[in-house]
Structures are given as structure tokens and as C-alpha cells.
Amino acid sequence: MTTPSNTAEGLLLPAERARRGGFYLVLVLAAMLCLVLFEGLVLFVVGVLIKGEDMGFMGEAGVAGYVGLPVLGGLVTLLPLIALVSRCPALRIDSTGISKVRRGGTETVRWADIDEVRFNSRQSLLLLVLKEAALPNRPIAVGGARVAIFYSLGNSLWRRRRPNHPALIVDAVERFAPGKYTTLPGSLGAGGTKGAGASA
């Protein structure tokens, strides 16, 4: 999933960090290329300029000598990123409620359990204010209210990465549960995110 899907059946937003997977991949490949060029520069300085070897000396390292370390570093970097991206959920809003969709299953908070839907001041977190009877086995009192930090819209400093997502979410919430959305920014209180049982 790479683009939001907003239909009559509901809204489906892809996982934010998965959307940036291509950026991470390009960044790692660029770092690998820079490392190859750095290795070539080091061999040139040490072998040709310092030791006085001819230019053929640089070819003695072979392809494996140049790309071995960059490829190893790239794999060590990419594998944790792939694992991280695969764990990030997508967001679905439909007539049932608001859901986080993962490969291993779906976690849904039904409309009947939600008092309010709001964002934090930076619109980087989707917050659900729950009713008293909702999720009784999961204490999530934060800042004096039962607030679940349900979904992260990504880096709060990189709004260009998600320019329309808050508007799409508001539209979907108003469509399926009119009156649930409030424009008041959510406050996590002095405790920050501590105690948030449904974190993104």
C-alpha cells in the first residue's frame, strides 16, 4: 500500500514509515556508493601518491574488495529498517470504528467506545478519547483523560510527507461518526505518553 484509499466503504491510509521505505532505500544505496568512492580514494592516496605505485595498483583490490564492506554495511542497515517498516500498521476508518491493520491482525476501537477523535497540536498523532467502559483491562488515563494514542502520522517535523492525511481522517470520521471529531488539540499532560496503552 502506497497511497491513501478513500471510498464509500471507508478510508485506508498506508503505514507512514512504510511510505518512506523508498527514501530509506535510496539513502542506504547512496551511502554504499559514497563508501565505494571513499575506498577508491584511500587506495589512490595510499598506493599511488604515498607508495608511488602505478594506477594499476587500484585494480588489484578487485570488485569484491571495493563492494564487500559497503554491501555488508548496507545489509546490516536495511534488515532492521525492513523489520521496523513491516511492523508499522495501516489506519482504517469505516462504519465499524477506527482500526490499526497489521499483517498479524487488526486492532479496532468501535465508535460506541469513542467519545472524541482529535489530533495533538502538531497533527502528528491521532488521539481517541474513550468512554469509561471502553477497554476496562487497559488503563490509559493520560493527562486526566482516557486518551489512547492510537496512530502516528509520522515525523511531526516533516509535514510534507503527509500533507492531506489529517484532512482525510477528519472527512472519514465525520462521514461515519458525525460529531465525534473535535478541533481541540489533544493534551498528554505532564506525563507525556506514559500510560498510553494503545500507542501507535
N, C-alpha and C. Protein backbone atom coordinates (compact mmCIF):
# COMPACT_ATOMS: atom_id res chain seq x y z
N MET A 1 0.84 -1.19 0.00
CA MET A 1 0.00 0.00 0.00
C MET A 1 0.88 1.24 0.00
N THR A 2 0.67 2.09 -0.97
CA THR A 2 1.49 3.28 -1.07
C THR A 2 0.69 4.56 -1.11
N THR A 3 -0.62 4.49 -1.39
CA THR A 3 -1.43 5.70 -1.47
C THR A 3 -2.69 5.52 -0.64
N PRO A 4 -3.24 6.62 -0.10
CA PRO A 4 -4.48 6.53 0.65
C PRO A 4 -5.63 6.09 -0.25
N SER A 5 -6.55 5.31 0.31
CA SER A 5 -7.74 4.88 -0.40
C SER A 5 -8.95 5.38 0.38
N ASN A 6 -9.69 6.31 -0.20
CA ASN A 6 -10.83 6.93 0.47
C ASN A 6 -12.07 6.66 -0.37
N THR A 7 -12.84 5.65 0.02
CA THR A 7 -14.02 5.25 -0.73
C THR A 7 -15.23 5.25 0.18
N ALA A 8 -16.38 4.88 -0.39
CA ALA A 8 -17.61 4.81 0.40
C ALA A 8 -17.50 3.76 1.49
N GLU A 9 -16.66 2.74 1.28
CA GLU A 9 -16.50 1.69 2.29
C GLU A 9 -15.62 2.14 3.45
N GLY A 10 -14.85 3.20 3.26
CA GLY A 10 -14.01 3.67 4.34
C GLY A 10 -12.70 4.24 3.83
N LEU A 11 -11.89 4.69 4.77
CA LEU A 11 -10.58 5.25 4.48
C LEU A 11 -9.50 4.28 4.90
N LEU A 12 -8.53 4.05 4.03
CA LEU A 12 -7.39 3.21 4.36
C LEU A 12 -6.11 4.00 4.08
N LEU A 13 -5.36 4.31 5.13
CA LEU A 13 -4.09 5.01 4.99
C LEU A 13 -2.95 4.02 5.17
N PRO A 14 -1.95 4.04 4.31
CA PRO A 14 -0.82 3.14 4.47
C PRO A 14 0.02 3.52 5.67
N ALA A 15 0.83 2.56 6.10
CA ALA A 15 1.73 2.83 7.23
C ALA A 15 2.68 3.95 6.85
N GLU A 16 2.84 4.93 7.74
CA GLU A 16 3.65 6.11 7.43
C GLU A 16 5.10 5.75 7.13
N ARG A 17 5.70 4.93 7.99
CA ARG A 17 7.11 4.63 7.77
C ARG A 17 7.30 3.74 6.55
N ALA A 18 6.27 2.92 6.23
CA ALA A 18 6.35 2.12 5.01
C ALA A 18 6.33 3.01 3.78
N ARG A 19 5.61 4.12 3.85
CA ARG A 19 5.59 5.05 2.73
C ARG A 19 6.96 5.66 2.48
N ARG A 20 7.75 5.77 3.53
CA ARG A 20 9.08 6.35 3.39
C ARG A 20 10.15 5.29 3.15
N GLY A 21 9.71 4.03 2.93
CA GLY A 21 10.67 2.96 2.72
C GLY A 21 11.57 3.20 1.52
N GLY A 22 11.00 3.75 0.44
CA GLY A 22 11.80 4.05 -0.74
C GLY A 22 12.87 5.08 -0.45
N PHE A 23 12.53 6.08 0.36
CA PHE A 23 13.51 7.10 0.74
C PHE A 23 14.66 6.48 1.52
N TYR A 24 14.32 5.59 2.47
CA TYR A 24 15.36 4.93 3.25
C TYR A 24 16.27 4.09 2.35
N LEU A 25 15.66 3.39 1.38
CA LEU A 25 16.44 2.54 0.48
C LEU A 25 17.41 3.37 -0.35
N VAL A 26 16.93 4.47 -0.90
CA VAL A 26 17.81 5.34 -1.70
C VAL A 26 18.92 5.91 -0.83
N LEU A 27 18.60 6.25 0.41
CA LEU A 27 19.60 6.81 1.32
C LEU A 27 20.70 5.79 1.61
N VAL A 28 20.33 4.53 1.85
CA VAL A 28 21.32 3.49 2.13
C VAL A 28 22.17 3.22 0.90
N LEU A 29 21.54 3.15 -0.28
CA LEU A 29 22.30 2.91 -1.52
C LEU A 29 23.27 4.05 -1.80
N ALA A 30 22.85 5.29 -1.52
CA ALA A 30 23.75 6.43 -1.71
C ALA A 30 24.94 6.34 -0.75
N ALA A 31 24.67 5.91 0.49
CA ALA A 31 25.76 5.76 1.46
C ALA A 31 26.73 4.67 1.01
N MET A 32 26.20 3.58 0.44
CA MET A 32 27.06 2.50 -0.06
C MET A 32 27.95 3.00 -1.20
N LEU A 33 27.37 3.78 -2.11
CA LEU A 33 28.15 4.32 -3.23
C LEU A 33 29.24 5.26 -2.72
N CYS A 34 28.91 6.09 -1.74
CA CYS A 34 29.91 7.00 -1.18
C CYS A 34 31.05 6.23 -0.52
N LEU A 35 30.72 5.10 0.11
CA LEU A 35 31.76 4.29 0.75
C LEU A 35 32.68 3.67 -0.29
N VAL A 36 32.12 3.21 -1.43
CA VAL A 36 32.95 2.67 -2.50
C VAL A 36 33.91 3.73 -3.03
N LEU A 37 33.38 4.94 -3.26
CA LEU A 37 34.22 6.03 -3.75
C LEU A 37 35.30 6.40 -2.73
N PHE A 38 34.93 6.35 -1.44
CA PHE A 38 35.92 6.66 -0.39
C PHE A 38 37.03 5.62 -0.37
N GLU A 39 36.66 4.34 -0.54
CA GLU A 39 37.67 3.29 -0.58
C GLU A 39 38.63 3.50 -1.77
N GLY A 40 38.05 3.87 -2.92
CA GLY A 40 38.91 4.14 -4.08
C GLY A 40 39.85 5.30 -3.84
N LEU A 41 39.34 6.33 -3.18
CA LEU A 41 40.18 7.49 -2.87
C LEU A 41 41.31 7.12 -1.91
N VAL A 42 41.01 6.32 -0.91
CA VAL A 42 42.03 5.90 0.05
C VAL A 42 43.12 5.09 -0.64
N LEU A 43 42.71 4.14 -1.51
CA LEU A 43 43.71 3.34 -2.24
C LEU A 43 44.56 4.22 -3.13
N PHE A 44 43.95 5.21 -3.76
CA PHE A 44 44.71 6.10 -4.64
C PHE A 44 45.74 6.91 -3.84
N VAL A 45 45.30 7.46 -2.71
CA VAL A 45 46.21 8.28 -1.91
C VAL A 45 47.34 7.44 -1.34
N VAL A 46 46.98 6.28 -0.77
CA VAL A 46 47.99 5.45 -0.12
C VAL A 46 48.90 4.78 -1.15
N GLY A 47 48.29 4.18 -2.18
CA GLY A 47 49.09 3.41 -3.13
C GLY A 47 49.82 4.25 -4.15
N VAL A 48 49.14 5.19 -4.75
CA VAL A 48 49.72 5.95 -5.85
C VAL A 48 50.52 7.14 -5.35
N LEU A 49 49.93 7.95 -4.47
CA LEU A 49 50.60 9.17 -4.04
C LEU A 49 51.65 8.93 -2.97
N ILE A 50 51.40 8.01 -2.05
CA ILE A 50 52.35 7.80 -0.95
C ILE A 50 53.39 6.72 -1.30
N LYS A 51 52.91 5.56 -1.77
CA LYS A 51 53.83 4.46 -2.06
C LYS A 51 54.43 4.55 -3.47
N GLY A 52 53.87 5.39 -4.33
CA GLY A 52 54.41 5.56 -5.67
C GLY A 52 54.05 4.45 -6.63
N GLU A 53 53.00 3.68 -6.35
CA GLU A 53 52.58 2.63 -7.27
C GLU A 53 51.93 3.26 -8.50
N ASP A 54 51.81 2.45 -9.60
CA ASP A 54 51.11 2.97 -10.77
C ASP A 54 49.60 2.78 -10.58
N MET A 55 48.81 3.28 -11.53
CA MET A 55 47.35 3.25 -11.39
C MET A 55 46.80 1.83 -11.41
N GLY A 56 47.56 0.89 -11.98
CA GLY A 56 47.11 -0.49 -11.99
C GLY A 56 46.96 -1.07 -10.60
N PHE A 57 47.64 -0.47 -9.65
CA PHE A 57 47.55 -0.93 -8.26
C PHE A 57 46.12 -0.88 -7.75
N MET A 58 45.35 0.10 -8.22
CA MET A 58 43.98 0.26 -7.72
C MET A 58 43.07 -0.87 -8.18
N GLY A 59 43.42 -1.50 -9.29
CA GLY A 59 42.59 -2.60 -9.77
C GLY A 59 42.85 -3.92 -9.08
N GLU A 60 43.94 -4.00 -8.31
CA GLU A 60 44.28 -5.25 -7.65
C GLU A 60 43.28 -5.63 -6.56
N ALA A 61 42.60 -4.65 -6.02
CA ALA A 61 41.61 -4.96 -4.97
C ALA A 61 40.43 -5.73 -5.52
N GLY A 62 40.13 -5.57 -6.80
CA GLY A 62 39.02 -6.29 -7.42
C GLY A 62 37.67 -5.75 -6.99
N VAL A 63 36.65 -6.27 -7.65
CA VAL A 63 35.28 -5.82 -7.35
C VAL A 63 34.90 -6.16 -5.91
N ALA A 64 35.26 -7.39 -5.49
CA ALA A 64 34.90 -7.81 -4.13
C ALA A 64 35.56 -6.93 -3.08
N GLY A 65 36.79 -6.49 -3.36
CA GLY A 65 37.48 -5.64 -2.40
C GLY A 65 36.84 -4.30 -2.22
N TYR A 66 36.23 -3.78 -3.29
CA TYR A 66 35.58 -2.48 -3.20
C TYR A 66 34.18 -2.55 -2.62
N VAL A 67 33.40 -3.56 -3.04
CA VAL A 67 31.97 -3.57 -2.66
C VAL A 67 31.68 -4.43 -1.43
N GLY A 68 32.66 -5.21 -0.98
CA GLY A 68 32.40 -6.11 0.15
C GLY A 68 31.92 -5.38 1.39
N LEU A 69 32.69 -4.40 1.83
CA LEU A 69 32.32 -3.65 3.04
C LEU A 69 31.03 -2.84 2.86
N PRO A 70 30.85 -2.12 1.73
CA PRO A 70 29.59 -1.39 1.55
C PRO A 70 28.36 -2.30 1.53
N VAL A 71 28.46 -3.45 0.86
CA VAL A 71 27.32 -4.36 0.81
C VAL A 71 27.00 -4.90 2.20
N LEU A 72 28.03 -5.27 2.96
CA LEU A 72 27.81 -5.75 4.32
C LEU A 72 27.16 -4.67 5.18
N GLY A 73 27.68 -3.44 5.07
CA GLY A 73 27.08 -2.34 5.83
C GLY A 73 25.65 -2.06 5.41
N GLY A 74 25.38 -2.16 4.10
CA GLY A 74 24.03 -1.93 3.62
C GLY A 74 23.05 -2.97 4.14
N LEU A 75 23.45 -4.23 4.16
CA LEU A 75 22.58 -5.29 4.68
C LEU A 75 22.32 -5.10 6.17
N VAL A 76 23.37 -4.77 6.91
CA VAL A 76 23.21 -4.56 8.36
C VAL A 76 22.25 -3.40 8.62
N THR A 77 22.24 -2.40 7.75
CA THR A 77 21.37 -1.24 7.92
C THR A 77 19.95 -1.53 7.45
N LEU A 78 19.81 -2.21 6.31
CA LEU A 78 18.49 -2.41 5.71
C LEU A 78 17.63 -3.42 6.46
N LEU A 79 18.24 -4.47 6.98
CA LEU A 79 17.43 -5.51 7.63
C LEU A 79 16.63 -4.97 8.81
N PRO A 80 17.25 -4.18 9.73
CA PRO A 80 16.43 -3.61 10.80
C PRO A 80 15.36 -2.64 10.27
N LEU A 81 15.67 -1.90 9.20
CA LEU A 81 14.68 -0.98 8.64
C LEU A 81 13.49 -1.75 8.06
N ILE A 82 13.76 -2.87 7.38
CA ILE A 82 12.68 -3.69 6.83
C ILE A 82 11.81 -4.25 7.95
N ALA A 83 12.46 -4.71 9.03
CA ALA A 83 11.69 -5.23 10.16
C ALA A 83 10.85 -4.14 10.80
N LEU A 84 11.40 -2.93 10.91
CA LEU A 84 10.67 -1.82 11.51
C LEU A 84 9.47 -1.43 10.66
N VAL A 85 9.67 -1.32 9.35
CA VAL A 85 8.58 -0.92 8.45
C VAL A 85 7.48 -1.96 8.44
N SER A 86 7.84 -3.25 8.47
CA SER A 86 6.83 -4.30 8.41
C SER A 86 5.94 -4.33 9.64
N ARG A 87 6.43 -3.78 10.76
CA ARG A 87 5.63 -3.78 11.99
C ARG A 87 4.68 -2.59 12.08
N CYS A 88 4.89 -1.58 11.25
CA CYS A 88 4.05 -0.39 11.32
C CYS A 88 2.68 -0.67 10.75
N PRO A 89 1.63 -0.23 11.43
CA PRO A 89 0.27 -0.54 10.96
C PRO A 89 -0.24 0.48 9.96
N ALA A 90 -1.21 0.05 9.17
CA ALA A 90 -2.00 0.97 8.37
C ALA A 90 -3.20 1.41 9.22
N LEU A 91 -3.87 2.47 8.79
CA LEU A 91 -5.02 3.00 9.51
C LEU A 91 -6.26 2.84 8.65
N ARG A 92 -7.32 2.28 9.25
CA ARG A 92 -8.58 2.12 8.54
C ARG A 92 -9.71 2.74 9.36
N ILE A 93 -10.54 3.54 8.69
CA ILE A 93 -11.71 4.15 9.32
C ILE A 93 -12.92 3.76 8.49
N ASP A 94 -13.86 3.05 9.12
CA ASP A 94 -15.06 2.63 8.40
C ASP A 94 -16.25 2.67 9.34
N SER A 95 -17.33 2.05 8.95
CA SER A 95 -18.56 2.10 9.75
C SER A 95 -18.43 1.38 11.08
N THR A 96 -17.46 0.50 11.21
CA THR A 96 -17.26 -0.23 12.47
C THR A 96 -16.55 0.62 13.50
N GLY A 97 -15.52 1.33 13.09
CA GLY A 97 -14.73 2.15 14.01
C GLY A 97 -13.41 2.52 13.37
N ILE A 98 -12.41 2.71 14.21
CA ILE A 98 -11.06 3.07 13.76
C ILE A 98 -10.13 1.90 14.07
N SER A 99 -9.39 1.46 13.07
CA SER A 99 -8.60 0.24 13.20
C SER A 99 -7.16 0.46 12.80
N LYS A 100 -6.28 -0.27 13.48
CA LYS A 100 -4.89 -0.40 13.05
C LYS A 100 -4.75 -1.76 12.40
N VAL A 101 -4.26 -1.78 11.16
CA VAL A 101 -4.19 -3.01 10.38
C VAL A 101 -2.74 -3.43 10.25
N ARG A 102 -2.43 -4.60 10.80
CA ARG A 102 -1.09 -5.18 10.68
C ARG A 102 -1.19 -6.51 9.97
N ARG A 103 -0.04 -7.05 9.62
CA ARG A 103 -0.03 -8.37 8.98
C ARG A 103 -0.58 -9.43 9.92
N GLY A 104 -0.32 -9.27 11.20
CA GLY A 104 -0.76 -10.28 12.15
C GLY A 104 -2.20 -10.15 12.61
N GLY A 105 -2.88 -9.10 12.21
CA GLY A 105 -4.26 -8.92 12.63
C GLY A 105 -4.65 -7.45 12.68
N THR A 106 -5.87 -7.21 13.11
CA THR A 106 -6.43 -5.86 13.14
C THR A 106 -6.89 -5.53 14.55
N GLU A 107 -6.53 -4.34 15.02
CA GLU A 107 -6.99 -3.84 16.33
C GLU A 107 -7.99 -2.72 16.07
N THR A 108 -9.22 -2.91 16.53
CA THR A 108 -10.29 -1.97 16.23
C THR A 108 -10.87 -1.39 17.51
N VAL A 109 -11.08 -0.07 17.52
CA VAL A 109 -11.84 0.60 18.58
C VAL A 109 -13.16 1.03 17.95
N ARG A 110 -14.27 0.50 18.47
CA ARG A 110 -15.58 0.76 17.85
C ARG A 110 -16.07 2.16 18.20
N TRP A 111 -16.92 2.67 17.33
CA TRP A 111 -17.45 4.02 17.53
C TRP A 111 -18.17 4.13 18.86
N ALA A 112 -18.82 3.06 19.30
CA ALA A 112 -19.57 3.11 20.56
C ALA A 112 -18.66 3.33 21.76
N ASP A 113 -17.37 3.02 21.62
CA ASP A 113 -16.42 3.18 22.72
C ASP A 113 -15.67 4.51 22.66
N ILE A 114 -15.92 5.30 21.65
CA ILE A 114 -15.16 6.54 21.44
C ILE A 114 -16.03 7.75 21.78
N ASP A 115 -15.51 8.62 22.65
CA ASP A 115 -16.18 9.89 22.95
C ASP A 115 -15.76 10.96 21.94
N GLU A 116 -14.46 11.06 21.71
CA GLU A 116 -13.95 12.10 20.83
C GLU A 116 -12.78 11.58 20.01
N VAL A 117 -12.61 12.15 18.83
CA VAL A 117 -11.45 11.92 17.99
C VAL A 117 -10.78 13.26 17.80
N ARG A 118 -9.48 13.32 18.03
CA ARG A 118 -8.76 14.59 17.90
C ARG A 118 -7.31 14.32 17.52
N PHE A 119 -6.61 15.39 17.23
CA PHE A 119 -5.18 15.32 16.96
C PHE A 119 -4.43 16.06 18.06
N ASN A 120 -3.14 15.79 18.18
CA ASN A 120 -2.32 16.65 19.02
C ASN A 120 -2.06 17.96 18.29
N SER A 121 -1.38 18.89 18.93
CA SER A 121 -1.23 20.23 18.36
C SER A 121 -0.46 20.22 17.04
N ARG A 122 0.43 19.28 16.84
CA ARG A 122 1.20 19.21 15.59
C ARG A 122 0.54 18.35 14.53
N GLN A 123 -0.60 17.76 14.86
CA GLN A 123 -1.31 16.85 13.96
C GLN A 123 -0.42 15.69 13.53
N SER A 124 0.41 15.24 14.45
CA SER A 124 1.27 14.09 14.16
C SER A 124 0.78 12.83 14.85
N LEU A 125 -0.16 12.97 15.79
CA LEU A 125 -0.74 11.83 16.48
C LEU A 125 -2.26 11.90 16.41
N LEU A 126 -2.88 10.77 16.11
CA LEU A 126 -4.33 10.66 16.17
C LEU A 126 -4.70 10.14 17.55
N LEU A 127 -5.50 10.90 18.28
CA LEU A 127 -5.86 10.57 19.66
C LEU A 127 -7.34 10.22 19.75
N LEU A 128 -7.64 9.20 20.52
CA LEU A 128 -9.02 8.81 20.77
C LEU A 128 -9.32 8.98 22.25
N VAL A 129 -10.35 9.76 22.57
CA VAL A 129 -10.81 9.90 23.94
C VAL A 129 -11.90 8.86 24.14
N LEU A 130 -11.65 7.91 25.02
CA LEU A 130 -12.54 6.77 25.17
C LEU A 130 -13.54 6.94 26.30
N LYS A 131 -14.63 6.22 26.20
CA LYS A 131 -15.64 6.23 27.26
C LYS A 131 -15.15 5.40 28.45
N GLU A 132 -15.77 5.59 29.59
CA GLU A 132 -15.33 4.94 30.82
C GLU A 132 -15.35 3.42 30.70
N ALA A 133 -16.33 2.87 30.03
CA ALA A 133 -16.46 1.41 29.97
C ALA A 133 -15.59 0.78 28.89
N ALA A 134 -14.94 1.62 28.08
CA ALA A 134 -14.15 1.08 26.98
C ALA A 134 -12.81 0.53 27.46
N LEU A 135 -12.43 -0.61 26.93
CA LEU A 135 -11.14 -1.24 27.25
C LEU A 135 -10.87 -1.26 28.74
N PRO A 136 -11.72 -1.92 29.54
CA PRO A 136 -11.57 -1.89 31.00
C PRO A 136 -10.28 -2.52 31.50
N ASN A 137 -9.70 -3.43 30.75
CA ASN A 137 -8.48 -4.11 31.18
C ASN A 137 -7.22 -3.39 30.74
N ARG A 138 -7.38 -2.22 30.16
CA ARG A 138 -6.22 -1.49 29.68
C ARG A 138 -6.27 -0.05 30.21
N PRO A 139 -5.63 0.21 31.34
CA PRO A 139 -5.65 1.57 31.89
C PRO A 139 -4.87 2.54 31.01
N ILE A 140 -5.55 3.57 30.55
CA ILE A 140 -4.90 4.50 29.63
C ILE A 140 -5.18 5.94 30.02
N ALA A 141 -5.38 6.19 31.29
CA ALA A 141 -5.62 7.56 31.73
C ALA A 141 -4.35 8.38 31.54
N VAL A 142 -4.45 9.42 30.75
CA VAL A 142 -3.30 10.27 30.45
C VAL A 142 -3.73 11.72 30.56
N GLY A 143 -3.03 12.52 31.36
CA GLY A 143 -3.35 13.93 31.46
C GLY A 143 -4.75 14.19 31.96
N GLY A 144 -5.29 13.29 32.80
CA GLY A 144 -6.62 13.49 33.36
C GLY A 144 -7.75 13.01 32.48
N ALA A 145 -7.45 12.44 31.33
CA ALA A 145 -8.50 11.95 30.43
C ALA A 145 -8.11 10.56 29.93
N ARG A 146 -9.10 9.81 29.49
CA ARG A 146 -8.85 8.47 28.95
C ARG A 146 -8.49 8.61 27.48
N VAL A 147 -7.24 8.91 27.23
CA VAL A 147 -6.78 9.18 25.87
C VAL A 147 -5.92 8.02 25.38
N ALA A 148 -6.26 7.48 24.23
CA ALA A 148 -5.44 6.47 23.59
C ALA A 148 -4.67 7.11 22.46
N ILE A 149 -3.35 7.01 22.50
CA ILE A 149 -2.54 7.48 21.38
C ILE A 149 -2.63 6.38 20.34
N PHE A 150 -3.57 6.54 19.42
CA PHE A 150 -3.93 5.40 18.59
C PHE A 150 -3.04 5.24 17.37
N TYR A 151 -2.63 6.34 16.77
CA TYR A 151 -1.94 6.21 15.50
C TYR A 151 -0.99 7.39 15.29
N SER A 152 0.21 7.08 14.79
CA SER A 152 1.20 8.11 14.48
C SER A 152 1.18 8.42 13.00
N LEU A 153 1.10 9.71 12.68
CA LEU A 153 1.09 10.14 11.29
C LEU A 153 2.50 10.44 10.78
N GLY A 154 3.51 10.04 11.52
CA GLY A 154 4.87 10.22 11.06
C GLY A 154 5.59 11.33 11.81
N ASN A 155 6.74 11.69 11.30
CA ASN A 155 7.57 12.71 11.93
C ASN A 155 6.83 14.04 11.94
N SER A 156 6.62 14.60 13.11
CA SER A 156 5.86 15.84 13.22
C SER A 156 6.55 17.01 12.56
N LEU A 157 7.86 16.89 12.29
CA LEU A 157 8.59 17.97 11.64
C LEU A 157 8.54 17.87 10.11
N TRP A 158 8.10 16.73 9.60
CA TRP A 158 8.07 16.52 8.15
C TRP A 158 6.63 16.47 7.67
N ARG A 159 5.91 17.55 7.80
CA ARG A 159 4.50 17.55 7.42
C ARG A 159 4.30 17.33 5.92
N ARG A 160 5.30 17.68 5.12
CA ARG A 160 5.15 17.47 3.68
C ARG A 160 5.01 16.00 3.33
N ARG A 161 5.42 15.12 4.24
CA ARG A 161 5.30 13.70 3.98
C ARG A 161 3.86 13.22 4.11
N ARG A 162 3.01 13.99 4.73
CA ARG A 162 1.62 13.58 4.94
C ARG A 162 0.73 14.81 4.85
N PRO A 163 0.75 15.56 3.75
CA PRO A 163 0.07 16.85 3.71
C PRO A 163 -1.44 16.76 3.85
N ASN A 164 -2.07 15.68 3.35
CA ASN A 164 -3.53 15.61 3.33
C ASN A 164 -4.10 14.60 4.31
N HIS A 165 -3.26 13.90 5.04
CA HIS A 165 -3.78 12.83 5.87
C HIS A 165 -4.72 13.32 6.99
N PRO A 166 -4.41 14.38 7.72
CA PRO A 166 -5.38 14.84 8.73
C PRO A 166 -6.73 15.19 8.13
N ALA A 167 -6.72 15.85 6.98
CA ALA A 167 -7.99 16.21 6.34
C ALA A 167 -8.77 14.96 5.91
N LEU A 168 -8.07 13.95 5.40
CA LEU A 168 -8.74 12.71 5.02
C LEU A 168 -9.34 12.01 6.23
N ILE A 169 -8.60 12.03 7.34
CA ILE A 169 -9.10 11.39 8.57
C ILE A 169 -10.33 12.11 9.08
N VAL A 170 -10.28 13.44 9.12
CA VAL A 170 -11.44 14.21 9.59
C VAL A 170 -12.65 13.93 8.72
N ASP A 171 -12.46 13.90 7.41
CA ASP A 171 -13.57 13.63 6.49
C ASP A 171 -14.18 12.26 6.75
N ALA A 172 -13.32 11.25 6.97
CA ALA A 172 -13.84 9.91 7.21
C ALA A 172 -14.57 9.81 8.55
N VAL A 173 -14.02 10.45 9.58
CA VAL A 173 -14.67 10.42 10.90
C VAL A 173 -16.03 11.10 10.83
N GLU A 174 -16.11 12.25 10.19
CA GLU A 174 -17.39 12.96 10.08
C GLU A 174 -18.39 12.18 9.24
N ARG A 175 -17.90 11.38 8.31
CA ARG A 175 -18.80 10.60 7.46
C ARG A 175 -19.42 9.44 8.23
N PHE A 176 -18.61 8.76 9.05
CA PHE A 176 -19.11 7.56 9.73
C PHE A 176 -19.59 7.83 11.16
N ALA A 177 -19.09 8.89 11.79
CA ALA A 177 -19.50 9.20 13.17
C ALA A 177 -19.56 10.71 13.33
N PRO A 178 -20.59 11.34 12.78
CA PRO A 178 -20.70 12.81 12.86
C PRO A 178 -20.69 13.29 14.31
N GLY A 179 -19.91 14.32 14.56
CA GLY A 179 -19.83 14.89 15.91
C GLY A 179 -18.73 14.33 16.78
N LYS A 180 -18.10 13.24 16.36
CA LYS A 180 -17.03 12.65 17.18
C LYS A 180 -15.74 13.47 17.12
N TYR A 181 -15.48 14.09 15.97
CA TYR A 181 -14.23 14.83 15.83
C TYR A 181 -14.34 16.19 16.51
N THR A 182 -13.29 16.55 17.23
CA THR A 182 -13.21 17.86 17.85
C THR A 182 -11.93 18.55 17.40
N THR A 183 -12.01 19.84 17.20
CA THR A 183 -10.83 20.59 16.76
C THR A 183 -9.89 20.94 17.90
N LEU A 184 -10.31 20.68 19.13
CA LEU A 184 -9.44 20.96 20.27
C LEU A 184 -8.24 20.03 20.23
N PRO A 185 -7.02 20.57 20.32
CA PRO A 185 -5.85 19.69 20.28
C PRO A 185 -5.78 18.83 21.53
N GLY A 186 -5.33 17.61 21.36
CA GLY A 186 -5.18 16.71 22.49
C GLY A 186 -4.00 17.09 23.36
N SER A 187 -4.15 16.90 24.67
CA SER A 187 -3.06 17.17 25.60
C SER A 187 -2.70 15.88 26.32
N LEU A 188 -1.42 15.56 26.35
CA LEU A 188 -0.98 14.35 27.02
C LEU A 188 -0.60 14.62 28.47
N GLY A 189 -0.70 15.87 28.90
CA GLY A 189 -0.40 16.17 30.30
C GLY A 189 1.08 16.09 30.60
N ALA A 190 1.39 16.22 31.88
CA ALA A 190 2.79 16.26 32.30
C ALA A 190 3.47 14.91 32.12
N GLY A 191 2.67 13.86 32.07
CA GLY A 191 3.25 12.53 31.96
C GLY A 191 3.65 12.13 30.57
N GLY A 192 3.44 13.02 29.59
CA GLY A 192 3.80 12.68 28.23
C GLY A 192 2.99 11.51 27.74
N THR A 193 3.67 10.54 27.18
CA THR A 193 2.98 9.36 26.65
C THR A 193 2.93 8.22 27.65
N LYS A 194 3.36 8.42 28.87
CA LYS A 194 3.37 7.33 29.83
C LYS A 194 1.93 6.91 30.14
N GLY A 195 1.74 5.61 30.19
CA GLY A 195 0.43 5.08 30.50
C GLY A 195 -0.46 4.94 29.30
N ALA A 196 -0.02 5.30 28.13
CA ALA A 196 -0.85 5.19 26.93
C ALA A 196 -0.85 3.74 26.49
N GLY A 197 -1.95 3.06 26.74
CA GLY A 197 -1.97 1.63 26.50
C GLY A 197 -2.16 1.25 25.05
N ALA A 198 -2.65 2.16 24.23
CA ALA A 198 -2.89 1.83 22.82
C ALA A 198 -2.00 2.67 21.95
N SER A 199 -0.73 2.66 22.22
CA SER A 199 0.19 3.53 21.49
C SER A 199 0.32 3.07 20.06
N ALA A 200 0.72 4.03 19.21
CA ALA A 200 0.89 3.71 17.80
C ALA A 200 2.17 2.96 17.57
